[in-house]
Amino acid sequence: MNFSRGAIAVALALLVVVAGCAGTPNATADGERGGTQTTGESAFQFETPSNATNATAAGPNGTLEVHYINVGQSSSTLLVAPNNETLLIDTGDWRDDGRDVLRYLRAQNVTRIDHLVTSHADADHIGGHAAVIDYYETEAEGVGAVYDPGIASSSQTYGRYLDAVERHDVTLYRAGANDSIPFGNVSTRVLAPPDEPLAGGQRNENSLVLAVEHGGHEFLFPGDGETEAESYLVERYGSALSATALSAGHHGSRSSTSDAFLNATAPRVVVVSSAYDSQYGHPHEETLRRLANRSIPTYWTATHGDVVLTSDGRNLTVSTQRAAPTNASRLRSVPAIGPDANETVTVRETFVVTNDSEANESAVNESTPNGTQTPERRTVAPTPTATATPTATATPTPSPPPAEGTLSLVRVHADASGDEWDNLDDEYLVFENTGDAALDLSGWTVSDEAGHTYRFADGFTLDVGASVTLRTGTGADTATDRYWGSEAPVWNNGGDTVTVTTAEGEVVVEETYS
């Protein structure tokens, strides 16, 4: 069943699949990444299709590669299975429109994306989806299937992504806890989100969480999951979350990678994906302290560049573009490396699995912390067929949460050009409504660490996708620019904390920059 962008929320809620591209199994040429094509049209699968497989002939090196691509303040991760099948998690920020990711994929000779995984619908994770789908469907060997957690967004970026799916008739699946993805001969399980959305359906908290196991190594990708998502994972899976390599949640935000989550995952390596000068202050110092206190080697794409982990099932090597400190407390002690750097990656460190294969068999899909068996694992995969098209099915799910506005701090410009005392209007903050409904900011306040406070006027509303610039100086307020009216600079150039509080006293934004 095909559907338009306007029907996406309903379609995802009903777990309906967009038809996939027709084709036949296609052998991969030597040196090319991208494996078996899929055929036909299929409904969302709750059980493993009888003719589906989760393993194909392994490549000559028998290795799994995990590429954490340096895409600035966003994330994108490429996995290449031993048979050269590919899985891409997220595609970077909307401002880049897939440019950095596509450049990297072409440099890696990736000719096909077998599995494109959407961790969640925020524009800094799906920014390149449309460009990637368009490129691979028109200039390369296609996209096998797309996997989405099913929490929709009203952003233009999300709309372009869905338009590309529909335009090229790419198979789209809603995936959640207990599903698995048939990625080469590598065990790939979906741990979250659960069927009942967390935190009232907030996108971050309902990120699609992947656990990928290769031999004795497990790689965990929690998306932008925060407090409730991590609590769910710890309660649901406990020590079975144990991972050799962990992608830091929400770009290293203080609201993720908690002590409890680190205790359960016990990672030997952590990779943080964010910009060096992140407007959100990512990674936050609280997260870095937690990692440093555990002496976990931490790699940051902003200082190490592209980070590539390579597993042969026993040995795990870490390669980066630049040599930089891995002590989390010293990540900011060296200069940044940009996404466009041409430096090649070099091996920096090697880990050897310490537990045997039998111990690894007690993985997340086998048991829960209390020893009870988990629900049956579901495989999310197209069902190849050369006969009539199966009828799409619909399965009831909880009703989507009501639309709500979300205020996000998207830019801090603390260092005005020239003499900032004479150019106060060039010191500003930019806020955006990244939610799904208009946001009434009447009586909301913005404050700094010193207690300087600005109050939004009654009746000021920010529409969906709209932004407002709060300038320190004096001027005539408009729908897009508001003026603090201060006679002196407010925001410290060396770092400060931006706090936004509702008229009822609820803190909705608290971001530290440096």
Protein backbone atom coordinates (compact mmCIF):
# COMPACT_ATOMS: atom_id res chain seq x y z
CA MET A 1 0.00 0.00 0.00
CA ASN A 2 1.47 3.38 -0.99
CA PHE A 3 0.63 6.53 0.90
CA SER A 4 1.25 10.26 0.67
CA ARG A 5 3.13 12.38 3.15
CA GLY A 6 -0.12 13.64 4.62
CA ALA A 7 -1.12 10.11 5.58
CA ILE A 8 2.23 9.11 7.06
CA ALA A 9 1.25 9.27 10.73
CA VAL A 10 -1.77 7.08 10.15
CA ALA A 11 0.16 4.71 7.93
CA LEU A 12 2.93 4.25 10.45
CA ALA A 13 0.44 3.81 13.26
CA LEU A 14 -1.18 1.02 11.29
CA LEU A 15 2.21 -0.54 10.56
CA VAL A 16 1.61 -0.42 6.84
CA VAL A 17 4.58 -0.89 4.54
CA VAL A 18 5.39 1.02 1.40
CA ALA A 19 6.11 -1.32 -1.51
CA GLY A 20 9.76 -2.02 -2.23
CA CYS A 21 11.77 -1.94 -5.42
CA ALA A 22 11.49 -5.03 -7.59
CA GLY A 23 14.62 -6.97 -8.43
CA THR A 24 16.43 -10.23 -8.11
CA PRO A 25 19.24 -11.28 -5.79
CA ASN A 26 22.35 -9.52 -7.00
CA ALA A 27 25.91 -10.64 -6.38
CA THR A 28 28.27 -7.93 -5.13
CA ALA A 29 31.29 -7.10 -7.23
CA ASP A 30 34.71 -7.34 -5.62
CA GLY A 31 35.49 -4.27 -3.55
CA GLU A 32 31.95 -2.93 -3.63
CA ARG A 33 29.84 -2.52 -0.50
CA GLY A 34 26.14 -3.34 -0.80
CA GLY A 35 24.63 -6.81 -0.85
CA THR A 36 21.48 -8.69 -1.75
CA GLN A 37 18.50 -6.87 -3.22
CA THR A 38 14.97 -7.69 -2.14
CA THR A 39 11.84 -8.10 -4.21
CA GLY A 40 8.11 -7.69 -4.02
CA GLU A 41 5.68 -5.98 -1.67
CA SER A 42 5.13 -7.09 1.89
CA ALA A 43 3.32 -6.13 5.06
CA PHE A 44 5.12 -5.55 8.34
CA GLN A 45 6.31 -8.94 9.61
CA PHE A 46 5.83 -10.03 13.21
CA GLU A 47 7.53 -13.38 12.72
CA THR A 48 10.49 -14.49 10.66
CA PRO A 49 9.34 -15.07 7.07
CA SER A 50 9.78 -18.72 6.14
CA ASN A 51 11.93 -17.86 3.14
CA ALA A 52 13.97 -15.10 4.78
CA THR A 53 17.54 -15.62 5.88
CA ASN A 54 19.78 -13.84 8.32
CA ALA A 55 23.03 -15.13 6.88
CA THR A 56 24.81 -15.18 3.56
CA ALA A 57 28.27 -16.22 2.49
CA ALA A 58 30.87 -14.26 4.44
CA GLY A 59 33.43 -12.14 2.65
CA PRO A 60 37.11 -13.09 2.55
CA ASN A 61 38.08 -11.00 5.58
CA GLY A 62 35.22 -12.11 7.85
CA THR A 63 35.09 -8.69 9.51
CA LEU A 64 32.39 -6.26 10.58
CA GLU A 65 33.22 -2.59 10.08
CA VAL A 66 31.46 0.18 12.02
CA HIS A 67 32.12 3.68 10.66
CA TYR A 68 31.16 6.62 12.88
CA ILE A 69 31.17 9.38 10.26
CA ASN A 70 32.23 12.87 11.29
CA VAL A 71 29.15 14.91 10.34
CA GLY A 72 29.42 17.75 12.85
CA GLN A 73 26.45 18.36 15.18
CA SER A 74 24.55 15.29 14.09
CA SER A 75 25.24 11.60 13.59
CA SER A 76 25.56 8.96 10.90
CA THR A 77 26.99 5.46 11.22
CA LEU A 78 27.78 2.99 8.44
CA LEU A 79 28.04 -0.74 9.15
CA VAL A 80 29.55 -3.13 6.60
CA ALA A 81 28.95 -6.85 7.20
CA PRO A 82 31.45 -9.60 6.31
CA ASN A 83 29.54 -10.20 3.05
CA ASN A 84 29.73 -6.46 2.22
CA GLU A 85 26.05 -5.89 2.96
CA THR A 86 25.52 -2.36 4.29
CA LEU A 87 23.42 -0.78 7.03
CA LEU A 88 23.32 3.00 7.48
CA ILE A 89 22.00 4.53 10.72
CA ASP A 90 20.95 8.18 10.21
CA THR A 91 22.32 10.61 7.64
CA GLY A 92 23.44 13.77 9.38
CA ASP A 93 21.99 17.25 9.77
CA TRP A 94 19.40 18.87 7.50
CA ARG A 95 21.71 21.83 6.79
CA ASP A 96 24.15 19.51 4.97
CA ASP A 97 21.41 17.75 2.99
CA GLY A 98 23.41 14.51 2.94
CA ARG A 99 26.54 16.09 1.43
CA ASP A 100 29.03 14.82 4.03
CA VAL A 101 27.45 11.38 4.27
CA LEU A 102 27.29 10.85 0.51
CA ARG A 103 30.90 11.96 0.12
CA TYR A 104 31.94 9.41 2.71
CA LEU A 105 29.85 6.60 1.24
CA ARG A 106 31.27 7.18 -2.22
CA ALA A 107 34.81 7.24 -0.82
CA GLN A 108 34.09 3.85 0.80
CA ASN A 109 32.81 2.53 -2.55
CA VAL A 110 29.34 1.84 -1.15
CA THR A 111 27.23 1.07 -4.19
CA ARG A 112 24.02 0.10 -2.37
CA ILE A 113 22.35 0.78 0.99
CA ASP A 114 20.77 -2.52 1.95
CA HIS A 115 19.25 -1.17 5.18
CA LEU A 116 18.63 2.49 6.05
CA VAL A 117 17.75 2.92 9.72
CA THR A 118 16.03 6.04 11.07
CA SER A 119 16.83 6.33 14.76
CA HIS A 120 14.15 9.03 15.10
CA ALA A 121 12.64 11.84 13.08
CA ASP A 122 14.70 14.81 14.32
CA ALA A 123 16.22 16.84 11.49
CA ASP A 124 19.80 16.35 12.72
CA HIS A 125 19.43 12.59 12.18
CA ILE A 126 17.41 12.40 8.96
CA GLY A 127 18.90 15.46 7.28
CA GLY A 128 20.38 13.46 4.41
CA HIS A 129 17.71 10.78 4.04
CA ALA A 130 16.11 12.28 0.95
CA ALA A 131 19.46 12.94 -0.75
CA VAL A 132 20.77 9.46 0.06
CA ILE A 133 17.63 7.74 -1.20
CA ASP A 134 17.54 9.86 -4.36
CA TYR A 135 21.22 9.21 -5.11
CA TYR A 136 21.17 5.46 -4.56
CA GLU A 137 17.89 4.98 -6.38
CA THR A 138 18.93 6.99 -9.44
CA GLU A 139 22.73 6.77 -9.68
CA ALA A 140 23.67 3.59 -7.82
CA GLU A 141 22.14 0.22 -6.94
CA GLY A 142 19.27 1.30 -4.74
CA VAL A 143 18.08 1.19 -1.13
CA GLY A 144 16.83 -2.17 0.11
CA ALA A 145 14.52 -1.05 2.93
CA VAL A 146 14.01 1.75 5.44
CA TYR A 147 13.27 1.14 9.15
CA ASP A 148 11.52 3.82 11.22
CA PRO A 149 10.35 3.86 14.87
CA GLY A 150 7.03 5.35 13.78
CA ILE A 151 6.93 8.63 15.71
CA ALA A 152 6.24 11.18 12.97
CA SER A 153 7.39 14.79 12.67
CA SER A 154 5.84 17.75 10.87
CA SER A 155 9.22 19.16 9.78
CA GLN A 156 9.99 19.80 6.13
CA THR A 157 13.02 17.51 6.46
CA TYR A 158 10.81 14.61 7.49
CA GLY A 159 8.43 15.42 4.66
CA ARG A 160 11.26 15.32 2.10
CA TYR A 161 12.40 11.98 3.48
CA LEU A 162 8.92 10.50 3.10
CA ASP A 163 8.55 12.02 -0.36
CA ALA A 164 11.77 10.26 -1.42
CA VAL A 165 10.52 6.95 0.00
CA GLU A 166 7.28 7.30 -1.94
CA ARG A 167 8.91 8.67 -5.10
CA HIS A 168 11.22 5.66 -5.43
CA ASP A 169 8.79 3.11 -3.98
CA VAL A 170 11.22 2.03 -1.28
CA THR A 171 10.02 -0.46 1.33
CA LEU A 172 9.33 1.24 4.67
CA TYR A 173 8.95 -0.67 7.94
CA ARG A 174 7.98 0.42 11.40
CA ALA A 175 10.41 -1.34 13.73
CA GLY A 176 10.46 -1.68 17.52
CA ALA A 177 11.42 -3.86 20.46
CA ASN A 178 11.71 -7.60 19.68
CA ASP A 179 12.29 -7.02 15.95
CA SER A 180 15.47 -7.99 14.15
CA ILE A 181 16.99 -6.87 10.87
CA PRO A 182 18.47 -9.54 8.54
CA PHE A 183 21.82 -7.78 8.08
CA GLY A 184 24.23 -10.19 6.39
CA ASN A 185 25.39 -12.83 8.86
CA VAL A 186 25.52 -10.36 11.75
CA SER A 187 22.98 -10.56 14.59
CA THR A 188 21.06 -7.27 14.53
CA ARG A 189 18.32 -6.75 17.13
CA VAL A 190 15.96 -3.88 17.79
CA LEU A 191 15.69 -3.25 21.54
CA ALA A 192 13.41 -0.20 21.53
CA PRO A 193 11.05 1.57 21.31
CA PRO A 194 8.42 -0.58 23.00
CA ASP A 195 4.92 -0.94 21.58
CA GLU A 196 3.57 1.53 24.14
CA PRO A 197 5.45 4.81 23.44
CA LEU A 198 7.62 6.18 26.22
CA ALA A 199 7.34 9.71 27.66
CA GLY A 200 4.08 10.46 25.88
CA GLY A 201 5.58 9.79 22.47
CA GLN A 202 8.58 12.15 22.62
CA ARG A 203 10.82 11.40 19.64
CA ASN A 204 14.14 11.22 21.51
CA GLU A 205 12.79 8.84 24.12
CA ASN A 206 11.37 6.57 21.41
CA SER A 207 14.53 6.28 19.36
CA LEU A 208 15.05 3.03 17.51
CA VAL A 209 17.78 1.26 19.50
CA LEU A 210 19.98 -1.31 17.74
CA ALA A 211 22.23 -3.99 19.23
CA VAL A 212 24.61 -5.51 16.67
CA GLU A 213 26.63 -8.60 17.64
CA HIS A 214 29.61 -10.02 15.79
CA GLY A 215 31.45 -12.84 17.50
CA GLY A 216 32.36 -11.70 20.99
CA HIS A 217 31.69 -8.01 20.35
CA GLU A 218 28.43 -6.13 20.72
CA PHE A 219 27.78 -2.63 19.37
CA LEU A 220 24.97 -0.60 20.91
CA PHE A 221 23.30 2.37 19.17
CA PRO A 222 20.77 4.11 21.48
CA GLY A 223 19.96 7.09 19.23
CA ASP A 224 18.92 10.16 21.24
CA GLY A 225 17.32 8.15 24.03
CA GLU A 226 17.35 10.01 27.34
CA THR A 227 16.23 9.28 30.91
CA GLU A 228 13.07 7.28 30.20
CA ALA A 229 14.53 5.36 27.27
CA GLU A 230 17.61 4.34 29.24
CA SER A 231 15.49 3.39 32.26
CA TYR A 232 13.35 1.18 30.02
CA LEU A 233 16.40 -0.51 28.51
CA VAL A 234 18.06 -1.13 31.88
CA GLU A 235 14.85 -2.46 33.44
CA ARG A 236 14.00 -4.60 30.41
CA TYR A 237 17.43 -6.06 29.60
CA GLY A 238 19.70 -5.41 32.59
CA SER A 239 23.25 -6.74 32.23
CA ALA A 240 22.30 -8.30 28.89
CA LEU A 241 22.90 -4.79 27.49
CA SER A 242 26.63 -5.37 27.93
CA ALA A 243 28.42 -3.85 24.94
CA THR A 244 31.99 -3.66 23.75
CA ALA A 245 31.30 -0.37 21.97
CA LEU A 246 28.63 2.18 22.90
CA SER A 247 27.51 5.17 20.88
CA ALA A 248 26.96 7.91 23.47
CA GLY A 249 23.26 8.77 23.63
CA HIS A 250 22.02 12.14 22.36
CA HIS A 251 25.46 13.34 21.27
CA GLY A 252 26.82 13.10 24.81
CA SER A 253 24.02 15.07 26.46
CA ARG A 254 23.91 15.06 30.25
CA SER A 255 20.43 13.53 30.01
CA SER A 256 21.87 10.33 28.46
CA THR A 257 24.67 7.82 29.13
CA SER A 258 23.68 7.81 32.80
CA ASP A 259 25.47 5.97 35.60
CA ALA A 260 22.81 3.24 35.60
CA PHE A 261 23.09 2.83 31.83
CA LEU A 262 26.88 2.68 31.96
CA ASN A 263 26.68 0.11 34.76
CA ALA A 264 24.44 -2.08 32.61
CA THR A 265 26.32 -1.67 29.34
CA ALA A 266 29.87 -1.69 30.78
CA PRO A 267 31.36 -0.51 27.48
CA ARG A 268 35.05 -0.82 26.70
CA VAL A 269 34.86 1.96 24.10
CA VAL A 270 32.50 4.94 23.74
CA VAL A 271 32.11 7.08 20.61
CA VAL A 272 30.56 10.56 20.78
CA SER A 273 29.17 12.20 17.64
CA SER A 274 28.74 15.98 17.86
CA ALA A 275 30.27 19.23 16.68
CA TYR A 276 33.33 20.73 18.35
CA ASP A 277 31.50 24.03 18.85
CA SER A 278 28.09 22.46 19.44
CA GLN A 279 25.47 25.11 20.12
CA TYR A 280 24.12 22.72 22.76
CA GLY A 281 27.48 22.27 24.49
CA HIS A 282 27.63 18.57 23.52
CA PRO A 283 29.17 16.52 24.90
CA HIS A 284 28.21 17.86 28.32
CA GLU A 285 30.79 17.87 31.10
CA GLU A 286 28.57 15.70 33.31
CA THR A 287 28.68 12.92 30.71
CA LEU A 288 32.42 13.27 30.21
CA ARG A 289 32.98 13.03 33.96
CA ARG A 290 30.97 9.82 34.14
CA LEU A 291 33.09 8.32 31.36
CA ALA A 292 36.36 9.60 32.82
CA ASN A 293 35.52 8.24 36.27
CA ARG A 294 35.22 4.79 34.69
CA SER A 295 38.39 5.23 32.58
CA ILE A 296 36.45 4.33 29.42
CA PRO A 297 38.42 5.23 26.27
CA THR A 298 36.26 7.84 24.56
CA TYR A 299 36.48 8.89 20.92
CA TRP A 300 34.90 12.12 19.71
CA THR A 301 34.27 12.67 16.02
CA ALA A 302 34.97 16.38 16.52
CA THR A 303 38.60 15.74 17.53
CA HIS A 304 39.34 12.22 16.25
CA GLY A 305 37.47 12.65 12.97
CA ASP A 306 35.96 9.56 11.39
CA VAL A 307 36.13 6.64 13.83
CA VAL A 308 36.18 3.10 12.42
CA LEU A 309 35.81 0.00 14.60
CA THR A 310 36.71 -3.31 12.97
CA SER A 311 35.77 -6.66 14.52
CA ASP A 312 36.97 -10.07 13.41
CA GLY A 313 34.81 -11.62 16.14
CA ARG A 314 37.62 -11.65 18.68
CA ASN A 315 39.87 -8.64 18.08
CA LEU A 316 38.43 -5.14 17.88
CA THR A 317 40.57 -2.40 16.39
CA VAL A 318 39.87 1.32 16.66
CA SER A 319 41.05 3.54 13.83
CA THR A 320 40.70 7.33 13.61
CA GLN A 321 41.73 10.14 11.32
CA ARG A 322 43.69 11.91 14.06
CA ALA A 323 45.48 10.89 17.20
CA ALA A 324 43.78 12.69 20.09
CA PRO A 325 43.24 12.10 23.81
CA THR A 326 40.78 9.36 24.72
CA ASN A 327 40.50 10.38 28.35
CA ALA A 328 37.02 11.87 28.35
CA SER A 329 38.12 14.77 30.56
CA ARG A 330 40.69 15.84 27.94
CA LEU A 331 38.66 15.62 24.73
CA ARG A 332 38.55 19.39 24.33
CA SER A 333 42.30 19.85 24.86
CA VAL A 334 43.09 19.54 21.13
CA PRO A 335 41.85 21.36 18.00
CA ALA A 336 38.83 20.28 16.00
CA ILE A 337 38.82 18.30 12.77
CA GLY A 338 36.15 19.15 10.22
CA PRO A 339 33.87 16.75 8.33
CA ASP A 340 35.69 17.60 5.10
CA ALA A 341 39.14 16.54 6.33
CA ASN A 342 40.92 14.24 3.88
CA GLU A 343 43.16 12.46 6.37
CA THR A 344 43.09 8.65 6.25
CA VAL A 345 42.26 6.59 9.33
CA THR A 346 45.05 4.91 11.30
CA VAL A 347 44.78 2.10 13.86
CA ARG A 348 45.02 3.52 17.38
CA GLU A 349 43.99 0.71 19.73
CA THR A 350 43.06 -2.98 19.81
CA PHE A 351 40.77 -4.83 22.21
CA VAL A 352 40.44 -8.60 22.59
CA VAL A 353 37.20 -10.24 23.68
CA THR A 354 37.44 -11.55 27.22
CA ASN A 355 34.33 -13.74 27.39
CA ASP A 356 33.89 -16.90 25.35
CA SER A 357 31.24 -17.54 22.71
CA GLU A 358 29.04 -19.55 25.03
CA ALA A 359 28.81 -16.60 27.39
CA ASN A 360 27.89 -14.37 24.49
CA GLU A 361 24.96 -16.60 23.65
CA SER A 362 23.11 -15.17 26.64
CA ALA A 363 22.51 -12.02 24.64
CA VAL A 364 19.61 -9.60 24.76
CA ASN A 365 17.34 -11.71 22.59
CA GLU A 366 17.63 -14.77 24.86
CA SER A 367 16.65 -13.70 28.35
CA THR A 368 15.78 -10.87 30.67
CA PRO A 369 17.67 -10.00 33.88
CA ASN A 370 15.40 -12.25 35.97
CA GLY A 371 16.01 -15.22 33.69
CA THR A 372 12.59 -15.31 32.04
CA GLN A 373 12.32 -15.76 28.32
CA THR A 374 11.70 -12.62 26.24
CA PRO A 375 8.85 -12.32 23.77
CA GLU A 376 9.46 -13.95 20.42
CA ARG A 377 11.88 -11.96 18.31
CA ARG A 378 10.43 -10.56 15.09
CA THR A 379 12.34 -10.14 11.86
CA VAL A 380 11.63 -6.95 9.97
CA ALA A 381 12.42 -7.81 6.37
CA PRO A 382 10.80 -7.87 2.96
CA THR A 383 9.52 -11.29 1.91
CA PRO A 384 10.88 -12.11 -1.57
CA THR A 385 8.20 -13.36 -3.91
CA ALA A 386 7.77 -13.90 -7.63
CA THR A 387 4.01 -14.42 -7.42
CA ALA A 388 1.05 -12.23 -6.55
CA THR A 389 1.56 -9.28 -4.22
CA PRO A 390 0.56 -10.12 -0.64
CA THR A 391 -2.16 -8.04 0.94
CA ALA A 392 -0.90 -5.43 3.38
CA THR A 393 -2.05 -5.98 6.94
CA ALA A 394 -2.80 -3.54 9.69
CA THR A 395 -2.24 -4.08 13.37
CA PRO A 396 -3.76 -1.79 16.00
CA THR A 397 -1.33 0.29 18.01
CA PRO A 398 -1.84 2.93 20.67
CA SER A 399 -3.16 6.22 19.31
CA PRO A 400 -0.42 8.75 18.56
CA PRO A 401 0.15 11.33 21.28
CA PRO A 402 -1.44 14.76 20.84
CA ALA A 403 0.62 17.30 18.92
CA GLU A 404 2.68 19.63 21.08
CA GLY A 405 5.20 22.38 20.58
CA THR A 406 8.85 21.93 21.57
CA LEU A 407 11.23 24.85 22.08
CA SER A 408 14.82 24.12 21.04
CA LEU A 409 17.88 26.33 21.34
CA VAL A 410 19.48 26.05 17.89
CA ARG A 411 22.17 28.73 18.01
CA VAL A 412 24.16 30.78 20.52
CA HIS A 413 26.04 33.82 19.16
CA ALA A 414 27.69 35.16 22.29
CA ASP A 415 30.69 36.91 20.69
CA ALA A 416 29.37 39.93 18.82
CA SER A 417 31.60 41.31 16.08
CA GLY A 418 33.74 44.32 16.95
CA ASP A 419 33.18 45.98 20.29
CA GLU A 420 30.28 43.99 21.71
CA TRP A 421 29.23 46.89 23.95
CA ASP A 422 28.59 48.90 20.78
CA ASN A 423 27.03 45.96 18.89
CA LEU A 424 24.65 44.37 21.34
CA ASP A 425 22.21 43.32 18.63
CA ASP A 426 24.86 40.94 17.27
CA GLU A 427 24.82 39.03 20.57
CA TYR A 428 21.83 36.73 20.29
CA LEU A 429 20.16 33.35 20.78
CA VAL A 430 18.05 31.55 18.19
CA PHE A 431 15.13 29.41 19.33
CA GLU A 432 13.04 27.14 17.09
CA ASN A 433 9.75 25.33 17.57
CA THR A 434 10.76 21.78 16.61
CA GLY A 435 7.49 20.26 17.82
CA ASP A 436 4.26 19.43 16.06
CA ALA A 437 2.02 22.29 17.26
CA ALA A 438 2.22 26.06 17.75
CA LEU A 439 3.90 27.13 20.99
CA ASP A 440 2.54 29.92 23.18
CA LEU A 441 5.55 31.60 24.86
CA SER A 442 3.51 34.08 26.91
CA GLY A 443 5.36 34.77 30.15
CA TRP A 444 8.23 32.39 29.40
CA THR A 445 11.61 33.61 30.63
CA VAL A 446 15.18 33.28 29.37
CA SER A 447 18.01 33.65 31.88
CA ASP A 448 21.77 33.25 32.20
CA GLU A 449 23.89 31.92 35.07
CA ALA A 450 24.13 35.42 36.58
CA GLY A 451 20.35 35.72 36.79
CA HIS A 452 19.79 38.22 33.99
CA THR A 453 16.24 37.54 32.80
CA TYR A 454 14.17 38.28 29.71
CA ARG A 455 10.39 37.69 29.59
CA PHE A 456 8.44 36.98 26.39
CA ALA A 457 5.41 39.26 26.01
CA ASP A 458 1.92 37.90 26.46
CA GLY A 459 0.43 36.62 23.22
CA PHE A 460 3.75 35.78 21.56
CA THR A 461 3.38 32.47 19.70
CA LEU A 462 5.92 30.46 17.73
CA ASP A 463 4.46 28.41 14.89
CA VAL A 464 5.65 24.90 13.98
CA GLY A 465 9.10 25.11 12.37
CA ALA A 466 9.36 28.85 13.05
CA SER A 467 12.33 30.44 14.80
CA VAL A 468 12.85 33.60 16.81
CA THR A 469 16.11 35.45 17.46
CA LEU A 470 16.47 37.00 20.91
CA ARG A 471 18.92 39.91 20.60
CA THR A 472 20.58 41.48 23.65
CA GLY A 473 20.21 45.10 22.49
CA THR A 474 17.27 47.38 21.86
CA GLY A 475 14.92 47.43 18.85
CA ALA A 476 11.36 46.98 17.64
CA ASP A 477 10.03 43.48 18.31
CA THR A 478 8.83 41.46 15.32
CA ALA A 479 7.59 37.91 14.78
CA THR A 480 11.17 36.76 14.11
CA ASP A 481 13.28 39.11 16.28
CA ARG A 482 12.82 40.04 19.92
CA TYR A 483 14.99 42.49 21.89
CA TRP A 484 16.18 42.04 25.47
CA GLY A 485 16.64 45.80 25.97
CA SER A 486 19.90 45.36 27.86
CA GLU A 487 22.52 48.11 27.91
CA ALA A 488 25.33 45.61 28.48
CA PRO A 489 26.33 42.19 27.11
CA VAL A 490 24.49 39.25 28.71
CA TRP A 491 26.10 36.10 27.35
CA ASN A 492 29.67 35.26 28.37
CA ASN A 493 31.95 34.58 25.42
CA GLY A 494 33.80 31.91 27.39
CA GLY A 495 30.70 29.92 28.30
CA ASP A 496 27.36 30.25 30.03
CA THR A 497 24.10 28.38 30.61
CA VAL A 498 20.88 29.28 28.81
CA THR A 499 17.76 28.45 30.83
CA VAL A 500 14.20 28.80 29.55
CA THR A 501 11.33 28.52 32.01
CA THR A 502 7.60 28.47 31.32
CA ALA A 503 5.18 30.85 32.98
CA GLU A 504 4.33 27.97 35.36
CA GLY A 505 7.98 27.60 36.41
CA GLU A 506 8.86 24.47 34.40
CA VAL A 507 12.38 24.44 32.96
CA VAL A 508 12.09 23.41 29.29
CA VAL A 509 15.58 24.32 28.03
CA GLU A 510 18.83 24.21 29.98
CA GLU A 511 21.85 24.23 27.67
CA THR A 512 25.44 25.02 28.56
CA TYR A 513 27.82 26.29 25.91
CA SER A 514 31.56 26.87 26.09
